[in-house]
């Protein structure tokens, strides 16, 4: 018996993966450049994220490539209508004038 000492916390404790929407910290700064570009864009646009969507996609792509978050489809992340890296063109799949 151990009086005055809290019970062991590891009894019945089992770790679980983070909930969707939370992910590990980037301890080694692997995606710091992309994160800083995105944050600068937010500052320049009064925290309006719409003009920064391409940078957001680049940041999430970096995190997925470095195992800092699970790989997911762009449509699930709300970024499916952005062009792939390097094309320089933004596609809008909701444009009614497009055939």
PDB file of N, CA and C in Angstrom:
ATOM      1  N   UNK A   1       0.833  -1.172   0.000  1.00  0.00           N
ATOM      2  CA  UNK A   1       0.000   0.000   0.000  1.00  0.00           C
ATOM      3  C   UNK A   1       0.882   1.241   0.000  1.00  0.00           C
ATOM      4  N   UNK A   2       0.473   2.261  -0.750  1.00  0.00           N
ATOM      5  CA  UNK A   2       1.288   3.465  -0.836  1.00  0.00           C
ATOM      6  C   UNK A   2       0.449   4.678  -0.439  1.00  0.00           C
ATOM      7  N   UNK A   3       0.564   5.062   0.813  1.00  0.00           N
ATOM      8  CA  UNK A   3      -0.182   6.219   1.294  1.00  0.00           C
ATOM      9  C   UNK A   3       0.507   7.501   0.853  1.00  0.00           C
ATOM     10  N   UNK A   4      -0.284   8.477   0.437  1.00  0.00           N
ATOM     11  CA  UNK A   4       0.257   9.774   0.053  1.00  0.00           C
ATOM     12  C   UNK A   4       0.821   9.839  -1.354  1.00  0.00           C
ATOM     13  N   UNK A   5       0.750   8.739  -2.077  1.00  0.00           N
ATOM     14  CA  UNK A   5       1.259   8.725  -3.451  1.00  0.00           C
ATOM     15  C   UNK A   5       0.091   8.421  -4.378  1.00  0.00           C
ATOM     16  N   UNK A   6      -0.025   9.173  -5.495  1.00  0.00           N
ATOM     17  CA  UNK A   6      -1.138   8.905  -6.420  1.00  0.00           C
ATOM     18  C   UNK A   6      -0.984   7.531  -7.068  1.00  0.00           C
ATOM     19  N   UNK A   7      -2.096   6.930  -7.434  1.00  0.00           N
ATOM     20  CA  UNK A   7      -2.009   5.636  -8.109  1.00  0.00           C
ATOM     21  C   UNK A   7      -1.268   5.766  -9.434  1.00  0.00           C
ATOM     22  N   UNK A   8      -0.726   4.685  -9.874  1.00  0.00           N
ATOM     23  CA  UNK A   8       0.016   4.679 -11.133  1.00  0.00           C
ATOM     24  C   UNK A   8      -0.908   5.052 -12.283  1.00  0.00           C
ATOM     25  N   UNK A   9      -0.464   5.995 -13.120  1.00  0.00           N
ATOM     26  CA  UNK A   9      -1.326   6.443 -14.217  1.00  0.00           C
ATOM     27  C   UNK A   9      -1.271   5.523 -15.426  1.00  0.00           C
ATOM     28  N   UNK A  10      -0.298   4.643 -15.487  1.00  0.00           N
ATOM     29  CA  UNK A  10      -0.199   3.798 -16.670  1.00  0.00           C
ATOM     30  C   UNK A  10      -1.007   2.510 -16.543  1.00  0.00           C
ATOM     31  N   UNK A  11      -1.784   2.371 -15.510  1.00  0.00           N
ATOM     32  CA  UNK A  11      -2.658   1.206 -15.386  1.00  0.00           C
ATOM     33  C   UNK A  11      -3.866   1.448 -16.290  1.00  0.00           C
ATOM     34  N   UNK A  12      -4.017   0.611 -17.291  1.00  0.00           N
ATOM     35  CA  UNK A  12      -5.155   0.742 -18.200  1.00  0.00           C
ATOM     36  C   UNK A  12      -5.002   1.837 -19.246  1.00  0.00           C
ATOM     37  N   UNK A  13      -3.847   2.479 -19.300  1.00  0.00           N
ATOM     38  CA  UNK A  13      -3.628   3.545 -20.292  1.00  0.00           C
ATOM     39  C   UNK A  13      -3.058   2.956 -21.564  1.00  0.00           C
ATOM     40  N   UNK A  14      -3.687   3.280 -22.687  1.00  0.00           N
ATOM     41  CA  UNK A  14      -3.111   2.869 -23.967  1.00  0.00           C
ATOM     42  C   UNK A  14      -3.158   4.065 -24.911  1.00  0.00           C
ATOM     43  N   UNK A  15      -2.039   4.392 -25.535  1.00  0.00           N
ATOM     44  CA  UNK A  15      -2.006   5.551 -26.426  1.00  0.00           C
ATOM     45  C   UNK A  15      -2.879   5.317 -27.647  1.00  0.00           C
ATOM     46  N   UNK A  16      -3.377   6.416 -28.206  1.00  0.00           N
ATOM     47  CA  UNK A  16      -4.185   6.330 -29.426  1.00  0.00           C
ATOM     48  C   UNK A  16      -3.753   7.446 -30.373  1.00  0.00           C
ATOM     49  N   UNK A  17      -3.997   7.269 -31.651  1.00  0.00           N
ATOM     50  CA  UNK A  17      -3.592   8.303 -32.597  1.00  0.00           C
ATOM     51  C   UNK A  17      -4.391   9.581 -32.371  1.00  0.00           C
ATOM     52  N   UNK A  18      -3.857  10.727 -32.819  1.00  0.00           N
ATOM     53  CA  UNK A  18      -4.580  11.988 -32.628  1.00  0.00           C
ATOM     54  C   UNK A  18      -5.884  12.003 -33.406  1.00  0.00           C
ATOM     55  N   UNK A  19      -6.827  12.799 -32.924  1.00  0.00           N
ATOM     56  CA  UNK A  19      -8.099  12.955 -33.619  1.00  0.00           C
ATOM     57  C   UNK A  19      -7.866  13.654 -34.947  1.00  0.00           C
ATOM     58  N   UNK A  20      -8.797  13.446 -35.877  1.00  0.00           N
ATOM     59  CA  UNK A  20      -8.705  14.111 -37.174  1.00  0.00           C
ATOM     60  C   UNK A  20      -8.665  15.616 -36.937  1.00  0.00           C
ATOM     61  N   UNK A  21      -7.786  16.292 -37.646  1.00  0.00           N
ATOM     62  CA  UNK A  21      -7.649  17.729 -37.498  1.00  0.00           C
ATOM     63  C   UNK A  21      -6.510  18.133 -36.572  1.00  0.00           C
ATOM     64  N   UNK A  22      -5.951  17.191 -35.839  1.00  0.00           N
ATOM     65  CA  UNK A  22      -4.784  17.496 -35.012  1.00  0.00           C
ATOM     66  C   UNK A  22      -3.642  16.625 -35.498  1.00  0.00           C
ATOM     67  N   UNK A  23      -2.462  17.157 -35.487  1.00  0.00           N
ATOM     68  CA  UNK A  23      -1.330  16.388 -35.965  1.00  0.00           C
ATOM     69  C   UNK A  23      -0.075  16.762 -35.198  1.00  0.00           C
ATOM     70  N   UNK A  24       0.945  15.915 -35.253  1.00  0.00           N
ATOM     71  CA  UNK A  24       2.165  16.155 -34.473  1.00  0.00           C
ATOM     72  C   UNK A  24       2.867  17.456 -34.858  1.00  0.00           C
ATOM     73  N   UNK A  25       3.596  17.993 -33.889  1.00  0.00           N
ATOM     74  CA  UNK A  25       4.390  19.184 -34.149  1.00  0.00           C
ATOM     75  C   UNK A  25       5.531  18.848 -35.099  1.00  0.00           C
ATOM     76  N   UNK A  26       5.962  19.835 -35.848  1.00  0.00           N
ATOM     77  CA  UNK A  26       7.063  19.685 -36.785  1.00  0.00           C
ATOM     78  C   UNK A  26       8.362  19.998 -36.040  1.00  0.00           C
ATOM     79  N   UNK A  27       8.807  19.070 -35.197  1.00  0.00           N
ATOM     80  CA  UNK A  27       9.966  19.296 -34.333  1.00  0.00           C
ATOM     81  C   UNK A  27      11.246  19.603 -35.102  1.00  0.00           C
ATOM     82  N   UNK A  28      11.394  19.071 -36.294  1.00  0.00           N
ATOM     83  CA  UNK A  28      12.630  19.264 -37.065  1.00  0.00           C
ATOM     84  C   UNK A  28      12.517  20.384 -38.094  1.00  0.00           C
ATOM     85  N   UNK A  29      11.381  21.078 -38.138  1.00  0.00           N
ATOM     86  CA  UNK A  29      11.214  22.208 -39.045  1.00  0.00           C
ATOM     87  C   UNK A  29      11.190  21.819 -40.513  1.00  0.00           C
ATOM     88  N   UNK A  30      10.752  20.616 -40.802  1.00  0.00           N
ATOM     89  CA  UNK A  30      10.746  20.142 -42.189  1.00  0.00           C
ATOM     90  C   UNK A  30       9.801  20.950 -43.076  1.00  0.00           C
ATOM     91  N   UNK A  31       8.757  21.505 -42.506  1.00  0.00           N
ATOM     92  CA  UNK A  31       7.770  22.269 -43.286  1.00  0.00           C
ATOM     93  C   UNK A  31       7.684  23.719 -42.826  1.00  0.00           C
ATOM     94  N   UNK A  32       8.731  24.182 -42.165  1.00  0.00           N
ATOM     95  CA  UNK A  32       8.715  25.541 -41.619  1.00  0.00           C
ATOM     96  C   UNK A  32       8.610  26.596 -42.720  1.00  0.00           C
ATOM     97  N   UNK A  33       9.318  26.386 -43.813  1.00  0.00           N
ATOM     98  CA  UNK A  33       9.295  27.357 -44.911  1.00  0.00           C
ATOM     99  C   UNK A  33       7.872  27.546 -45.438  1.00  0.00           C
ATOM    100  N   UNK A  34       7.172  26.444 -45.686  1.00  0.00           N
ATOM    101  CA  UNK A  34       5.804  26.503 -46.194  1.00  0.00           C
ATOM    102  C   UNK A  34       4.867  27.135 -45.165  1.00  0.00           C
ATOM    103  N   UNK A  35       5.071  26.807 -43.899  1.00  0.00           N
ATOM    104  CA  UNK A  35       4.242  27.368 -42.842  1.00  0.00           C
ATOM    105  C   UNK A  35       4.437  28.878 -42.746  1.00  0.00           C
ATOM    106  N   UNK A  36       5.684  29.331 -42.831  1.00  0.00           N
ATOM    107  CA  UNK A  36       5.973  30.764 -42.750  1.00  0.00           C
ATOM    108  C   UNK A  36       5.384  31.518 -43.948  1.00  0.00           C
ATOM    109  N   UNK A  37       5.457  30.924 -45.129  1.00  0.00           N
ATOM    110  CA  UNK A  37       4.868  31.561 -46.312  1.00  0.00           C
ATOM    111  C   UNK A  37       3.351  31.710 -46.141  1.00  0.00           C
ATOM    112  N   UNK A  38       2.720  30.660 -45.617  1.00  0.00           N
ATOM    113  CA  UNK A  38       1.276  30.700 -45.391  1.00  0.00           C
ATOM    114  C   UNK A  38       0.921  31.748 -44.334  1.00  0.00           C
ATOM    115  N   UNK A  39       1.664  31.785 -43.238  1.00  0.00           N
ATOM    116  CA  UNK A  39       1.398  32.754 -42.173  1.00  0.00           C
ATOM    117  C   UNK A  39       1.621  34.184 -42.666  1.00  0.00           C
ATOM    118  N   UNK A  40       2.665  34.423 -43.473  1.00  0.00           N
ATOM    119  CA  UNK A  40       2.906  35.751 -44.049  1.00  0.00           C
ATOM    120  C   UNK A  40       1.743  36.161 -44.944  1.00  0.00           C
ATOM    121  N   UNK A  41       1.243  35.217 -45.724  1.00  0.00           N
ATOM    122  CA  UNK A  41       0.106  35.489 -46.600  1.00  0.00           C
ATOM    123  C   UNK A  41      -1.121  35.876 -45.771  1.00  0.00           C
ATOM    124  N   UNK A  42      -1.368  35.159 -44.690  1.00  0.00           N
ATOM    125  CA  UNK A  42      -2.504  35.494 -43.819  1.00  0.00           C
ATOM    126  C   UNK A  42      -2.346  36.902 -43.241  1.00  0.00           C
ATOM    127  N   UNK A  43      -1.129  37.245 -42.811  1.00  0.00           N
ATOM    128  CA  UNK A  43      -0.886  38.589 -42.259  1.00  0.00           C
ATOM    129  C   UNK A  43      -1.150  39.661 -43.310  1.00  0.00           C
ATOM    130  N   UNK A  44      -0.704  39.429 -44.523  1.00  0.00           N
ATOM    131  CA  UNK A  44      -0.867  40.407 -45.596  1.00  0.00           C
ATOM    132  C   UNK A  44      -2.319  40.548 -46.039  1.00  0.00           C
ATOM    133  N   UNK A  45      -3.139  39.544 -45.752  1.00  0.00           N
ATOM    134  CA  UNK A  45      -4.532  39.546 -46.199  1.00  0.00           C
ATOM    135  C   UNK A  45      -5.519  39.610 -45.039  1.00  0.00           C
ATOM    136  N   UNK A  46      -5.112  40.235 -43.940  1.00  0.00           N
ATOM    137  CA  UNK A  46      -5.973  40.419 -42.768  1.00  0.00           C
ATOM    138  C   UNK A  46      -6.630  39.121 -42.319  1.00  0.00           C
ATOM    139  N   UNK A  47      -5.864  38.056 -42.292  1.00  0.00           N
ATOM    140  CA  UNK A  47      -6.310  36.722 -41.859  1.00  0.00           C
ATOM    141  C   UNK A  47      -7.403  36.116 -42.732  1.00  0.00           C
ATOM    142  N   UNK A  48      -7.522  36.601 -43.959  1.00  0.00           N
ATOM    143  CA  UNK A  48      -8.450  36.003 -44.923  1.00  0.00           C
ATOM    144  C   UNK A  48      -7.704  34.880 -45.630  1.00  0.00           C
ATOM    145  N   UNK A  49      -8.207  33.669 -45.508  1.00  0.00           N
ATOM    146  CA  UNK A  49      -7.461  32.517 -46.020  1.00  0.00           C
ATOM    147  C   UNK A  49      -7.637  32.261 -47.512  1.00  0.00           C
ATOM    148  N   UNK A  50      -8.670  32.796 -48.125  1.00  0.00           N
ATOM    149  CA  UNK A  50      -8.938  32.503 -49.541  1.00  0.00           C
ATOM    150  C   UNK A  50      -7.749  32.792 -50.451  1.00  0.00           C
ATOM    151  N   UNK A  51      -7.092  33.970 -50.347  1.00  0.00           N
ATOM    152  CA  UNK A  51      -5.947  34.214 -51.236  1.00  0.00           C
ATOM    153  C   UNK A  51      -4.735  33.323 -50.939  1.00  0.00           C
ATOM    154  N   UNK A  52      -4.771  32.613 -49.819  1.00  0.00           N
ATOM    155  CA  UNK A  52      -3.619  31.818 -49.386  1.00  0.00           C
ATOM    156  C   UNK A  52      -3.840  30.323 -49.568  1.00  0.00           C
ATOM    157  N   UNK A  53      -4.861  29.934 -50.304  1.00  0.00           N
ATOM    158  CA  UNK A  53      -5.209  28.521 -50.416  1.00  0.00           C
ATOM    159  C   UNK A  53      -4.109  27.685 -51.059  1.00  0.00           C
ATOM    160  N   UNK A  54      -3.426  28.219 -52.052  1.00  0.00           N
ATOM    161  CA  UNK A  54      -2.346  27.478 -52.715  1.00  0.00           C
ATOM    162  C   UNK A  54      -1.219  27.214 -51.709  1.00  0.00           C
ATOM    163  N   UNK A  55      -0.911  28.218 -50.888  1.00  0.00           N
ATOM    164  CA  UNK A  55       0.128  28.045 -49.868  1.00  0.00           C
ATOM    165  C   UNK A  55      -0.317  27.049 -48.806  1.00  0.00           C
ATOM    166  N   UNK A  56      -1.585  27.044 -48.492  1.00  0.00           N
ATOM    167  CA  UNK A  56      -2.123  26.072 -47.545  1.00  0.00           C
ATOM    168  C   UNK A  56      -1.958  24.654 -48.085  1.00  0.00           C
ATOM    169  N   UNK A  57      -2.243  24.497 -49.367  1.00  0.00           N
ATOM    170  CA  UNK A  57      -2.098  23.186 -50.001  1.00  0.00           C
ATOM    171  C   UNK A  57      -0.633  22.743 -49.995  1.00  0.00           C
ATOM    172  N   UNK A  58       0.282  23.671 -50.273  1.00  0.00           N
ATOM    173  CA  UNK A  58       1.713  23.351 -50.243  1.00  0.00           C
ATOM    174  C   UNK A  58       2.144  22.901 -48.847  1.00  0.00           C
ATOM    175  N   UNK A  59       1.643  23.599 -47.829  1.00  0.00           N
ATOM    176  CA  UNK A  59       1.991  23.260 -46.450  1.00  0.00           C
ATOM    177  C   UNK A  59       1.461  21.873 -46.076  1.00  0.00           C
ATOM    178  N   UNK A  60       0.209  21.603 -46.386  1.00  0.00           N
ATOM    179  CA  UNK A  60      -0.363  20.296 -46.065  1.00  0.00           C
ATOM    180  C   UNK A  60       0.318  19.186 -46.859  1.00  0.00           C
ATOM    181  N   UNK A  61       0.690  19.481 -48.101  1.00  0.00           N
ATOM    182  CA  UNK A  61       1.404  18.500 -48.924  1.00  0.00           C
ATOM    183  C   UNK A  61       2.748  18.164 -48.288  1.00  0.00           C
ATOM    184  N   UNK A  62       3.442  19.167 -47.801  1.00  0.00           N
ATOM    185  CA  UNK A  62       4.726  18.949 -47.117  1.00  0.00           C
ATOM    186  C   UNK A  62       4.523  18.075 -45.885  1.00  0.00           C
ATOM    187  N   UNK A  63       3.512  18.371 -45.097  1.00  0.00           N
ATOM    188  CA  UNK A  63       3.248  17.586 -43.878  1.00  0.00           C
ATOM    189  C   UNK A  63       2.939  16.137 -44.224  1.00  0.00           C
ATOM    190  N   UNK A  64       2.151  15.922 -45.281  1.00  0.00           N
ATOM    191  CA  UNK A  64       1.825  14.550 -45.678  1.00  0.00           C
ATOM    192  C   UNK A  64       3.069  13.826 -46.180  1.00  0.00           C
ATOM    193  N   UNK A  65       3.915  14.515 -46.948  1.00  0.00           N
ATOM    194  CA  UNK A  65       5.130  13.901 -47.490  1.00  0.00           C
ATOM    195  C   UNK A  65       6.146  13.552 -46.413  1.00  0.00           C
ATOM    196  N   UNK A  66       6.111  14.250 -45.283  1.00  0.00           N
ATOM    197  CA  UNK A  66       7.063  13.994 -44.197  1.00  0.00           C
ATOM    198  C   UNK A  66       6.456  13.186 -43.055  1.00  0.00           C
ATOM    199  N   UNK A  67       5.276  12.629 -43.262  1.00  0.00           N
ATOM    200  CA  UNK A  67       4.651  11.780 -42.251  1.00  0.00           C
ATOM    201  C   UNK A  67       4.160  12.525 -41.024  1.00  0.00           C
ATOM    202  N   UNK A  68       3.922  13.829 -41.162  1.00  0.00           N
ATOM    203  CA  UNK A  68       3.442  14.625 -40.038  1.00  0.00           C
ATOM    204  C   UNK A  68       1.912  14.649 -39.969  1.00  0.00           C
ATOM    205  N   UNK A  69       1.279  14.084 -40.959  1.00  0.00           N
ATOM    206  CA  UNK A  69      -0.161  13.888 -40.948  1.00  0.00           C
ATOM    207  C   UNK A  69      -0.487  12.788 -41.943  1.00  0.00           C
ATOM    208  N   UNK A  70      -1.640  12.177 -41.773  1.00  0.00           N
ATOM    209  CA  UNK A  70      -2.043  11.113 -42.689  1.00  0.00           C
ATOM    210  C   UNK A  70      -2.323  11.684 -44.061  1.00  0.00           C
ATOM    211  N   UNK A  71      -1.973  10.938 -45.094  1.00  0.00           N
ATOM    212  CA  UNK A  71      -2.288  11.366 -46.455  1.00  0.00           C
ATOM    213  C   UNK A  71      -3.794  11.307 -46.628  1.00  0.00           C
ATOM    214  N   UNK A  72      -4.350  12.335 -47.236  1.00  0.00           N
ATOM    215  CA  UNK A  72      -5.790  12.405 -47.469  1.00  0.00           C
ATOM    216  C   UNK A  72      -6.012  13.005 -48.849  1.00  0.00           C
ATOM    217  N   UNK A  73      -7.190  12.812 -49.381  1.00  0.00           N
ATOM    218  CA  UNK A  73      -7.523  13.376 -50.687  1.00  0.00           C
ATOM    219  C   UNK A  73      -7.774  14.870 -50.532  1.00  0.00           C
ATOM    220  N   UNK A  74      -7.385  15.619 -51.562  1.00  0.00           N
ATOM    221  CA  UNK A  74      -7.542  17.072 -51.525  1.00  0.00           C
ATOM    222  C   UNK A  74      -9.001  17.474 -51.383  1.00  0.00           C
ATOM    223  N   UNK A  75      -9.907  16.689 -51.954  1.00  0.00           N
ATOM    224  CA  UNK A  75     -11.333  17.047 -51.835  1.00  0.00           C
ATOM    225  C   UNK A  75     -11.785  16.976 -50.379  1.00  0.00           C
ATOM    226  N   UNK A  76     -11.219  16.057 -49.595  1.00  0.00           N
ATOM    227  CA  UNK A  76     -11.561  15.958 -48.172  1.00  0.00           C
ATOM    228  C   UNK A  76     -10.996  17.119 -47.367  1.00  0.00           C
ATOM    229  N   UNK A  77      -9.966  17.757 -47.894  1.00  0.00           N
ATOM    230  CA  UNK A  77      -9.340  18.892 -47.212  1.00  0.00           C
ATOM    231  C   UNK A  77      -9.848  20.225 -47.753  1.00  0.00           C
ATOM    232  N   UNK A  78     -10.798  20.167 -48.697  1.00  0.00           N
ATOM    233  CA  UNK A  78     -11.371  21.385 -49.253  1.00  0.00           C
ATOM    234  C   UNK A  78     -10.475  22.092 -50.247  1.00  0.00           C
ATOM    235  N   UNK A  79      -9.529  21.359 -50.822  1.00  0.00           N
ATOM    236  CA  UNK A  79      -8.560  21.980 -51.737  1.00  0.00           C
ATOM    237  C   UNK A  79      -8.523  21.302 -53.100  1.00  0.00           C
ATOM    238  N   UNK A  80      -9.582  20.591 -53.467  1.00  0.00           N
ATOM    239  CA  UNK A  80      -9.591  19.833 -54.720  1.00  0.00           C
ATOM    240  C   UNK A  80      -9.610  20.722 -55.959  1.00  0.00           C
ATOM    241  N   UNK A  81     -10.119  21.941 -55.832  1.00  0.00           N
ATOM    242  CA  UNK A  81     -10.235  22.789 -57.017  1.00  0.00           C
ATOM    243  C   UNK A  81      -8.966  23.567 -57.333  1.00  0.00           C
ATOM    244  N   UNK A  82      -7.894  23.326 -56.567  1.00  0.00           N
ATOM    245  CA  UNK A  82      -6.621  23.988 -56.858  1.00  0.00           C
ATOM    246  C   UNK A  82      -5.780  23.116 -57.766  1.00  0.00           C
ATOM    247  N   UNK A  83      -5.069  23.762 -58.678  1.00  0.00           N
ATOM    248  CA  UNK A  83      -4.221  23.026 -59.617  1.00  0.00           C
ATOM    249  C   UNK A  83      -3.066  22.376 -58.884  1.00  0.00           C
ATOM    250  N   UNK A  84      -2.488  21.373 -59.508  1.00  0.00           N
ATOM    251  CA  UNK A  84      -1.314  20.712 -58.943  1.00  0.00           C
ATOM    252  C   UNK A  84      -0.133  21.663 -58.972  1.00  0.00           C
ATOM    253  N   UNK A  85       0.846  21.401 -58.137  1.00  0.00           N
ATOM    254  CA  UNK A  85       2.052  22.212 -58.038  1.00  0.00           C
ATOM    255  C   UNK A  85       2.738  22.356 -59.395  1.00  0.00           C
ATOM    256  N   UNK A  86       3.188  23.570 -59.686  1.00  0.00           N
ATOM    257  CA  UNK A  86       3.978  23.784 -60.880  1.00  0.00           C
ATOM    258  C   UNK A  86       3.177  24.174 -62.117  1.00  0.00           C
ATOM    259  N   UNK A  87       1.838  24.041 -62.099  1.00  0.00           N
ATOM    260  CA  UNK A  87       1.073  24.396 -63.291  1.00  0.00           C
ATOM    261  C   UNK A  87       0.832  25.892 -63.343  1.00  0.00           C
ATOM    262  N   UNK A  88       0.805  26.538 -62.138  1.00  0.00           N
ATOM    263  CA  UNK A  88       0.590  27.973 -62.089  1.00  0.00           C
ATOM    264  C   UNK A  88      -0.836  28.369 -62.428  1.00  0.00           C
ATOM    265  N   UNK A  89      -1.707  27.407 -62.555  1.00  0.00           N
ATOM    266  CA  UNK A  89      -3.082  27.678 -62.965  1.00  0.00           C
ATOM    267  C   UNK A  89      -4.027  27.142 -61.894  1.00  0.00           C
ATOM    268  N   UNK A  90      -5.009  27.962 -61.532  1.00  0.00           N
ATOM    269  CA  UNK A  90      -6.006  27.523 -60.575  1.00  0.00           C
ATOM    270  C   UNK A  90      -7.243  27.107 -61.346  1.00  0.00           C
ATOM    271  N   UNK A  91      -7.697  25.906 -61.056  1.00  0.00           N
ATOM    272  CA  UNK A  91      -8.891  25.391 -61.715  1.00  0.00           C
ATOM    273  C   UNK A  91     -10.064  25.527 -60.775  1.00  0.00           C
ATOM    274  N   UNK A  92     -11.209  25.962 -61.316  1.00  0.00           N
ATOM    275  CA  UNK A  92     -12.411  26.039 -60.522  1.00  0.00           C
ATOM    276  C   UNK A  92     -13.414  25.079 -61.129  1.00  0.00           C
ATOM    277  N   UNK A  93     -13.624  23.951 -60.459  1.00  0.00           N
ATOM    278  CA  UNK A  93     -14.532  22.932 -60.976  1.00  0.00           C
ATOM    279  C   UNK A  93     -15.989  23.328 -60.820  1.00  0.00           C
ATOM    280  N   UNK A  94     -16.269  24.430 -60.131  1.00  0.00           N
ATOM    281  CA  UNK A  94     -17.642  24.873 -59.937  1.00  0.00           C
ATOM    282  C   UNK A  94     -18.025  25.984 -60.889  1.00  0.00           C
ATOM    283  N   UNK A  95     -17.174  26.308 -61.854  1.00  0.00           N
ATOM    284  CA  UNK A  95     -17.425  27.393 -62.789  1.00  0.00           C
ATOM    285  C   UNK A  95     -18.520  26.983 -63.771  1.00  0.00           C
ATOM    286  N   UNK A  96     -19.701  27.661 -63.760  1.00  0.00           N
ATOM    287  CA  UNK A  96     -20.794  27.286 -64.644  1.00  0.00           C
ATOM    288  C   UNK A  96     -20.516  27.585 -66.116  1.00  0.00           C
ATOM    289  N   UNK A  97     -19.529  28.431 -66.399  1.00  0.00           N
ATOM    290  CA  UNK A  97     -19.216  28.800 -67.790  1.00  0.00           C
ATOM    291  C   UNK A  97     -18.292  27.811 -68.459  1.00  0.00           C
ATOM    292  N   UNK A  98     -17.729  26.922 -67.688  1.00  0.00           N
ATOM    293  CA  UNK A  98     -16.841  25.891 -68.226  1.00  0.00           C
ATOM    294  C   UNK A  98     -17.641  24.740 -68.757  1.00  0.00           C
ATOM    295  N   UNK A  99     -17.237  24.174 -69.888  1.00  0.00           N
ATOM    296  CA  UNK A  99     -17.978  23.013 -70.399  1.00  0.00           C
ATOM    297  C   UNK A  99     -17.234  21.735 -70.217  1.00  0.00           C
TER     298      UNK A  99
END
